[in-house]
Amino acid sequence: MDRFNLAVIGATGAVGEIFLSILEERNFPLNKLRLCASERSLGKKIKFANEDHYIEPVTNELLSDCDFVFISASSEVSLDIAPRAAKLGSIAIDDSSAFRMNKTVPLVVPEVNSKDLDQHKGIVSIPNCSTTPLTMVLHELGKLAKINRVIVDTFQSVSGAGAGAVFELDSQNHAMYENSEIQTSIHPHRIAFNVIPQIDDFTESGYTNEEMKMINETKKILHRPDLNISATCVRVPVKIGHSEAVHIEFEQNIDIESAYSALSNAPGITLLDDTEKNHYPMPINCEHKDDVMVGRLRKDVSLPNGIVLWLSCDNLRKGAALNAIQIAESIIEKRLI
């Protein structure tokens, strides 16, 4: 079996750390691993597969030495590194929003649109962590009948805003119990014991950038520019795990049994739906799990052709790191490298 050289840009971040753990779990055909992060992390030691690896700077020599370059950093970093990597013969798999809506860059969830990888030109984008589970569910249910409209409300954990947001939640929780001053820096308001109906900045339409990402990315991944979709994204005081309430209107009536069957046989999806036993997806049972968990599946009583469901997903795994590794695995399987 061929083995591949891989670089992780942002190796010390929350997604980078999960990426390395999944890389080892899945026995990725790795030949050489190079780790990079910000200047303040240069020289830091990270153990992988019982070997010490040291954080090094991103150079053209490093990029040209790699088959895959996984980037989990800011859009500014991605805009610099990804084109360089592609030009030097590597395949950049980018976790930022920098290239998601670029018409020449595939935006991929392997269970949904791996065929789009056939057209890659050295850069592949990973969707927003809330978009990925939504498209997986819509892809499967869309096989039953055409979907006309989707309304999705998200309940997103603080880790989606980075490690600093997790620390802020912990600090605020502690301050609340100690009745001491609350410090806020990452979120616009206190997140401890609160929910914030804003993720990212507001646009002129009144939607936030996060909501527009979900809308536009879903249309691109599903190849449905005509899809009517609306989103409201909410930050909740949970460390890991995004949840979503999804209302789907079909062109024709869909019975619940068919929807159950479609989702129960779908790759990357686990049904957790037994309301008599209070079994349904929650962040606490999706954490550290690869699959998107779906439950509370029911007919929408407000319209004849509607279905409502609830899902939860580990945003650091399938929402980011796992999806990236699956993209690399698909590229290898398709012999596109």
Protein backbone atom coordinates (compact mmCIF):
# COMPACT_ATOMS: atom_id res chain seq x y z
CA MET A 1 0.00 0.00 0.00
CA ASP A 2 1.17 3.51 -0.82
CA ARG A 3 1.97 5.73 2.13
CA PHE A 4 1.70 9.49 2.20
CA ASN A 5 3.38 12.52 3.72
CA LEU A 6 1.03 14.82 5.59
CA ALA A 7 1.33 18.22 7.25
CA VAL A 8 -1.06 19.58 9.87
CA ILE A 9 -1.23 23.37 10.00
CA GLY A 10 -2.77 24.35 13.34
CA ALA A 11 -1.64 21.17 15.09
CA THR A 12 -1.91 22.69 18.57
CA GLY A 13 -5.53 23.86 18.13
CA ALA A 14 -8.65 21.98 19.22
CA VAL A 15 -9.36 20.59 15.74
CA GLY A 16 -5.68 19.85 15.11
CA GLU A 17 -5.43 17.75 18.26
CA ILE A 18 -8.55 15.78 17.34
CA PHE A 19 -7.23 15.35 13.80
CA LEU A 20 -4.07 13.70 15.10
CA SER A 21 -5.99 11.34 17.37
CA ILE A 22 -8.34 10.26 14.55
CA LEU A 23 -5.40 9.88 12.19
CA GLU A 24 -3.97 7.30 14.55
CA GLU A 25 -7.34 5.63 15.23
CA ARG A 26 -8.04 5.05 11.54
CA ASN A 27 -4.56 3.75 10.69
CA PHE A 28 -4.17 6.32 7.95
CA PRO A 29 -1.44 5.20 5.49
CA LEU A 30 1.06 7.70 6.81
CA ASN A 31 4.68 7.88 5.79
CA LYS A 32 5.85 11.18 7.29
CA LEU A 33 4.07 13.66 9.55
CA ARG A 34 4.96 17.36 9.74
CA LEU A 35 3.34 19.60 12.37
CA CYS A 36 2.99 23.38 12.17
CA ALA A 37 1.33 26.10 14.23
CA SER A 38 1.80 29.77 15.11
CA GLU A 39 5.20 31.23 15.90
CA ARG A 40 4.63 31.04 19.65
CA SER A 41 4.32 27.24 19.37
CA LEU A 42 7.51 26.67 17.36
CA GLY A 43 9.59 23.93 18.93
CA LYS A 44 6.73 22.60 21.02
CA LYS A 45 6.73 18.80 21.29
CA ILE A 46 3.68 16.70 20.40
CA LYS A 47 3.58 12.94 20.74
CA PHE A 48 2.02 10.96 17.91
CA ALA A 49 2.14 7.16 17.56
CA ASN A 50 4.59 7.02 20.48
CA GLU A 51 7.02 9.34 18.70
CA ASP A 52 7.86 12.96 19.46
CA HIS A 53 7.17 15.50 16.74
CA TYR A 54 8.17 19.15 16.94
CA ILE A 55 6.23 22.16 15.71
CA GLU A 56 8.04 23.70 12.74
CA PRO A 57 7.44 26.73 10.51
CA VAL A 58 5.55 26.46 7.24
CA THR A 59 8.05 26.62 4.39
CA ASN A 60 7.86 25.87 0.68
CA GLU A 61 10.21 22.95 1.31
CA LEU A 62 7.77 21.49 3.82
CA LEU A 63 4.76 22.00 1.54
CA SER A 64 6.46 20.43 -1.45
CA ASP A 65 7.45 17.44 0.71
CA CYS A 66 3.81 16.65 1.55
CA ASP A 67 1.06 14.87 -0.33
CA PHE A 68 -1.66 16.36 1.89
CA VAL A 69 -1.69 19.62 3.84
CA PHE A 70 -4.51 19.88 6.39
CA ILE A 71 -5.18 23.48 7.44
CA SER A 72 -7.15 24.39 10.54
CA ALA A 73 -6.36 28.04 11.11
CA SER A 74 -7.74 31.46 10.16
CA SER A 75 -8.96 32.28 6.68
CA GLU A 76 -5.96 34.59 6.27
CA VAL A 77 -3.59 31.70 6.93
CA SER A 78 -5.52 29.46 4.54
CA LEU A 79 -5.49 32.07 1.78
CA ASP A 80 -1.70 32.16 2.04
CA ILE A 81 -0.86 28.49 2.52
CA ALA A 82 -3.45 26.57 0.46
CA PRO A 83 -2.58 28.08 -2.96
CA ARG A 84 1.13 27.66 -2.23
CA ALA A 85 0.63 24.03 -1.30
CA ALA A 86 -1.39 23.35 -4.44
CA LYS A 87 1.19 25.06 -6.62
CA LEU A 88 3.94 22.94 -5.07
CA GLY A 89 2.06 19.71 -5.79
CA SER A 90 0.32 19.05 -2.48
CA ILE A 91 -3.42 18.75 -1.89
CA ALA A 92 -4.64 21.29 0.66
CA ILE A 93 -7.67 20.27 2.72
CA ASP A 94 -8.89 23.48 4.31
CA ASP A 95 -11.10 23.86 7.38
CA SER A 96 -11.65 27.62 7.07
CA SER A 97 -14.31 29.50 5.11
CA ALA A 98 -11.72 30.96 2.73
CA PHE A 99 -12.47 28.77 -0.29
CA ARG A 100 -15.86 27.23 0.47
CA MET A 101 -17.82 29.27 -2.04
CA ASN A 102 -15.04 29.38 -4.64
CA LYS A 103 -16.50 27.79 -7.78
CA THR A 104 -13.22 26.04 -8.58
CA VAL A 105 -12.86 24.47 -5.11
CA PRO A 106 -14.90 21.38 -4.14
CA LEU A 107 -16.78 21.71 -0.85
CA VAL A 108 -17.07 18.11 0.30
CA VAL A 109 -18.82 15.82 2.75
CA PRO A 110 -17.64 12.39 1.51
CA GLU A 111 -20.92 10.62 2.33
CA VAL A 112 -22.76 13.19 0.21
CA ASN A 113 -20.69 14.47 -2.72
CA SER A 114 -17.36 12.66 -2.98
CA LYS A 115 -17.75 12.83 -6.78
CA ASP A 116 -16.91 16.52 -6.56
CA LEU A 117 -13.36 15.53 -5.57
CA ASP A 118 -12.81 14.40 -9.17
CA GLN A 119 -12.62 18.08 -10.14
CA HIS A 120 -10.17 19.23 -7.46
CA LYS A 121 -7.31 21.49 -8.47
CA GLY A 122 -5.19 21.04 -5.37
CA ILE A 123 -7.55 22.63 -2.82
CA VAL A 124 -10.57 21.00 -1.14
CA SER A 125 -12.77 22.78 1.40
CA ILE A 126 -14.49 21.37 4.48
CA PRO A 127 -17.96 22.79 5.25
CA ASN A 128 -18.90 24.68 8.36
CA CYS A 129 -19.31 22.29 11.30
CA SER A 130 -23.06 22.89 11.43
CA THR A 131 -23.52 22.41 7.67
CA THR A 132 -22.02 18.92 7.54
CA PRO A 133 -24.62 16.99 9.59
CA LEU A 134 -27.47 18.88 7.94
CA THR A 135 -26.35 17.98 4.42
CA MET A 136 -25.89 14.33 5.39
CA VAL A 137 -29.51 14.10 6.58
CA LEU A 138 -30.93 16.07 3.63
CA HIS A 139 -28.94 13.98 1.16
CA GLU A 140 -30.48 10.75 2.41
CA LEU A 141 -34.04 12.04 2.78
CA GLY A 142 -33.79 13.79 -0.57
CA LYS A 143 -33.58 10.36 -2.21
CA LEU A 144 -37.20 9.75 -1.16
CA ALA A 145 -38.62 12.90 -2.74
CA LYS A 146 -37.49 16.33 -3.81
CA ILE A 147 -37.00 18.72 -0.90
CA ASN A 148 -38.64 22.10 -1.41
CA ARG A 149 -37.83 23.91 1.82
CA VAL A 150 -35.67 23.53 4.93
CA ILE A 151 -35.79 25.51 8.18
CA VAL A 152 -32.96 24.74 10.57
CA ASP A 153 -32.26 26.11 14.04
CA THR A 154 -28.87 25.26 15.50
CA PHE A 155 -27.70 24.97 19.10
CA GLN A 156 -23.93 25.21 18.76
CA SER A 157 -21.31 24.47 21.40
CA VAL A 158 -18.64 26.96 22.36
CA SER A 159 -15.80 24.80 20.98
CA GLY A 160 -17.02 25.89 17.56
CA ALA A 161 -15.49 29.26 18.42
CA GLY A 162 -12.16 27.72 19.44
CA ALA A 163 -10.30 26.68 22.57
CA GLY A 164 -10.49 30.22 23.97
CA ALA A 165 -14.28 30.03 24.02
CA VAL A 166 -14.19 26.78 26.00
CA PHE A 167 -11.88 28.43 28.53
CA GLU A 168 -14.22 31.43 28.69
CA LEU A 169 -17.21 29.19 29.48
CA ASP A 170 -15.26 27.44 32.25
CA SER A 171 -14.11 30.76 33.68
CA GLN A 172 -17.58 32.26 33.63
CA ASN A 173 -19.12 29.15 35.22
CA HIS A 174 -16.56 29.39 38.01
CA ALA A 175 -17.19 33.12 38.44
CA MET A 176 -20.94 32.52 38.64
CA TYR A 177 -20.53 30.00 41.45
CA GLU A 178 -18.04 32.26 43.25
CA ASN A 179 -20.25 35.32 42.70
CA SER A 180 -17.27 37.13 41.25
CA GLU A 181 -16.87 39.41 38.22
CA ILE A 182 -17.73 37.90 34.82
CA GLN A 183 -15.11 38.40 32.12
CA THR A 184 -16.30 38.33 28.49
CA SER A 185 -13.97 38.43 25.50
CA ILE A 186 -14.93 35.79 22.92
CA HIS A 187 -18.71 36.15 22.91
CA PRO A 188 -20.69 39.41 22.80
CA HIS A 189 -22.47 38.46 26.03
CA ARG A 190 -22.01 36.10 28.94
CA ILE A 191 -22.37 32.53 27.65
CA ALA A 192 -22.49 30.77 31.05
CA PHE A 193 -26.13 29.94 31.93
CA ASN A 194 -27.23 31.75 28.80
CA VAL A 195 -27.90 31.27 25.08
CA ILE A 196 -26.86 33.81 22.45
CA PRO A 197 -28.83 34.04 19.18
CA GLN A 198 -25.80 35.32 17.31
CA ILE A 199 -22.82 33.50 15.84
CA ASP A 200 -20.51 35.75 13.80
CA ASP A 201 -21.45 39.23 12.57
CA PHE A 202 -24.82 40.30 11.23
CA THR A 203 -25.27 40.97 7.52
CA GLU A 204 -27.54 43.58 5.92
CA SER A 205 -30.23 40.90 5.51
CA GLY A 206 -30.46 40.44 9.28
CA TYR A 207 -28.95 36.96 9.04
CA THR A 208 -25.52 36.36 10.56
CA ASN A 209 -22.53 35.23 8.53
CA GLU A 210 -22.82 31.81 10.20
CA GLU A 211 -26.41 31.47 9.05
CA MET A 212 -25.53 32.50 5.51
CA LYS A 213 -22.67 29.98 5.50
CA MET A 214 -25.13 27.20 6.31
CA ILE A 215 -27.55 28.36 3.63
CA ASN A 216 -25.01 28.81 0.83
CA GLU A 217 -22.84 25.79 1.68
CA THR A 218 -25.84 23.46 1.84
CA LYS A 219 -26.96 24.56 -1.61
CA LYS A 220 -23.47 24.01 -3.04
CA ILE A 221 -22.89 20.58 -1.47
CA LEU A 222 -26.31 19.26 -2.51
CA HIS A 223 -26.10 20.90 -5.95
CA ARG A 224 -29.42 22.57 -5.18
CA PRO A 225 -29.09 26.31 -5.89
CA ASP A 226 -32.90 26.43 -5.97
CA LEU A 227 -33.33 25.04 -2.44
CA ASN A 228 -35.35 27.27 -0.12
CA ILE A 229 -33.50 27.21 3.19
CA SER A 230 -33.46 29.42 6.27
CA ALA A 231 -31.26 29.13 9.35
CA THR A 232 -31.03 30.58 12.84
CA CYS A 233 -27.76 29.82 14.64
CA VAL A 234 -27.57 29.97 18.43
CA ARG A 235 -24.57 29.57 20.75
CA VAL A 236 -25.30 27.48 23.85
CA PRO A 237 -23.25 26.82 27.03
CA VAL A 238 -22.10 23.35 25.93
CA LYS A 239 -18.44 22.49 25.42
CA ILE A 240 -18.64 19.98 22.55
CA GLY A 241 -21.51 19.01 20.28
CA HIS A 242 -23.73 20.94 17.90
CA SER A 243 -27.46 20.15 17.80
CA GLU A 244 -30.06 21.14 15.22
CA ALA A 245 -33.85 21.20 14.90
CA VAL A 246 -34.61 20.57 11.23
CA HIS A 247 -37.96 21.12 9.50
CA ILE A 248 -38.11 19.66 5.97
CA GLU A 249 -40.86 20.21 3.41
CA PHE A 250 -40.98 17.73 0.51
CA GLU A 251 -42.61 17.98 -2.89
CA GLN A 252 -44.82 15.02 -1.98
CA ASN A 253 -45.91 13.17 1.12
CA ILE A 254 -43.23 11.04 2.84
CA ASP A 255 -44.21 8.45 5.41
CA ILE A 256 -42.18 8.25 8.60
CA GLU A 257 -41.31 4.57 8.05
CA SER A 258 -39.55 5.42 4.77
CA ALA A 259 -37.64 8.24 6.45
CA TYR A 260 -36.59 5.91 9.27
CA SER A 261 -35.40 3.31 6.77
CA ALA A 262 -33.43 5.85 4.73
CA LEU A 263 -31.64 7.25 7.76
CA SER A 264 -31.03 3.91 9.48
CA ASN A 265 -29.16 2.64 6.42
CA ALA A 266 -27.22 5.84 5.80
CA PRO A 267 -23.43 5.88 6.22
CA GLY A 268 -22.27 8.11 9.07
CA ILE A 269 -25.71 8.40 10.65
CA THR A 270 -27.01 6.66 13.79
CA LEU A 271 -30.69 6.71 14.71
CA LEU A 272 -31.30 7.30 18.39
CA ASP A 273 -35.05 7.54 18.62
CA ASP A 274 -37.01 5.89 21.42
CA THR A 275 -39.14 8.53 23.08
CA GLU A 276 -40.77 6.01 25.43
CA LYS A 277 -37.35 5.56 27.05
CA ASN A 278 -36.36 9.23 26.61
CA HIS A 279 -33.68 8.23 24.11
CA TYR A 280 -32.76 10.95 21.62
CA PRO A 281 -29.58 12.71 20.48
CA MET A 282 -27.85 15.07 22.89
CA PRO A 283 -24.37 16.61 22.96
CA ILE A 284 -23.40 14.34 25.85
CA ASN A 285 -23.99 11.20 23.80
CA CYS A 286 -22.48 12.42 20.54
CA GLU A 287 -19.21 13.65 22.08
CA HIS A 288 -16.22 11.62 20.83
CA LYS A 289 -18.50 9.80 18.37
CA ASP A 290 -17.98 9.82 14.60
CA ASP A 291 -21.62 9.50 13.54
CA VAL A 292 -24.29 12.14 13.29
CA MET A 293 -27.06 11.11 15.69
CA VAL A 294 -30.67 11.64 14.59
CA GLY A 295 -33.88 11.35 16.59
CA ARG A 296 -37.27 12.94 17.44
CA LEU A 297 -38.32 12.01 13.89
CA ARG A 298 -41.98 12.92 13.31
CA LYS A 299 -44.50 14.25 10.83
CA ASP A 300 -44.83 18.03 10.79
CA VAL A 301 -48.37 18.77 11.97
CA SER A 302 -48.31 22.20 10.29
CA LEU A 303 -48.12 20.96 6.69
CA PRO A 304 -48.94 17.74 4.81
CA ASN A 305 -45.53 17.04 3.26
CA GLY A 306 -43.31 17.88 6.19
CA ILE A 307 -40.98 15.98 8.50
CA VAL A 308 -39.27 17.30 11.65
CA LEU A 309 -36.17 15.85 13.28
CA TRP A 310 -33.46 16.61 15.81
CA LEU A 311 -29.76 15.83 15.43
CA SER A 312 -26.54 16.13 17.40
CA CYS A 313 -22.96 15.84 16.16
CA ASP A 314 -19.46 16.19 17.59
CA ASN A 315 -18.43 19.41 15.86
CA LEU A 316 -14.70 18.77 16.31
CA ARG A 317 -14.85 15.27 14.81
CA LYS A 318 -17.34 14.90 11.95
CA GLY A 319 -17.78 18.65 11.88
CA ALA A 320 -14.09 19.14 11.07
CA ALA A 321 -11.21 16.71 11.67
CA LEU A 322 -12.88 13.42 10.70
CA ASN A 323 -14.39 14.95 7.57
CA ALA A 324 -10.91 16.11 6.49
CA ILE A 325 -9.40 12.66 6.96
CA GLN A 326 -12.29 11.05 5.08
CA ILE A 327 -11.66 13.47 2.22
CA ALA A 328 -8.00 12.39 2.08
CA GLU A 329 -9.04 8.74 2.22
CA SER A 330 -11.51 9.29 -0.64
CA ILE A 331 -8.84 11.00 -2.74
CA ILE A 332 -6.52 8.04 -2.17
CA GLU A 333 -9.27 5.51 -2.93
CA LYS A 334 -10.17 7.34 -6.13
CA ARG A 335 -6.48 7.57 -7.11
CA LEU A 336 -6.73 11.32 -7.47
CA ILE A 337 -3.25 11.88 -6.06
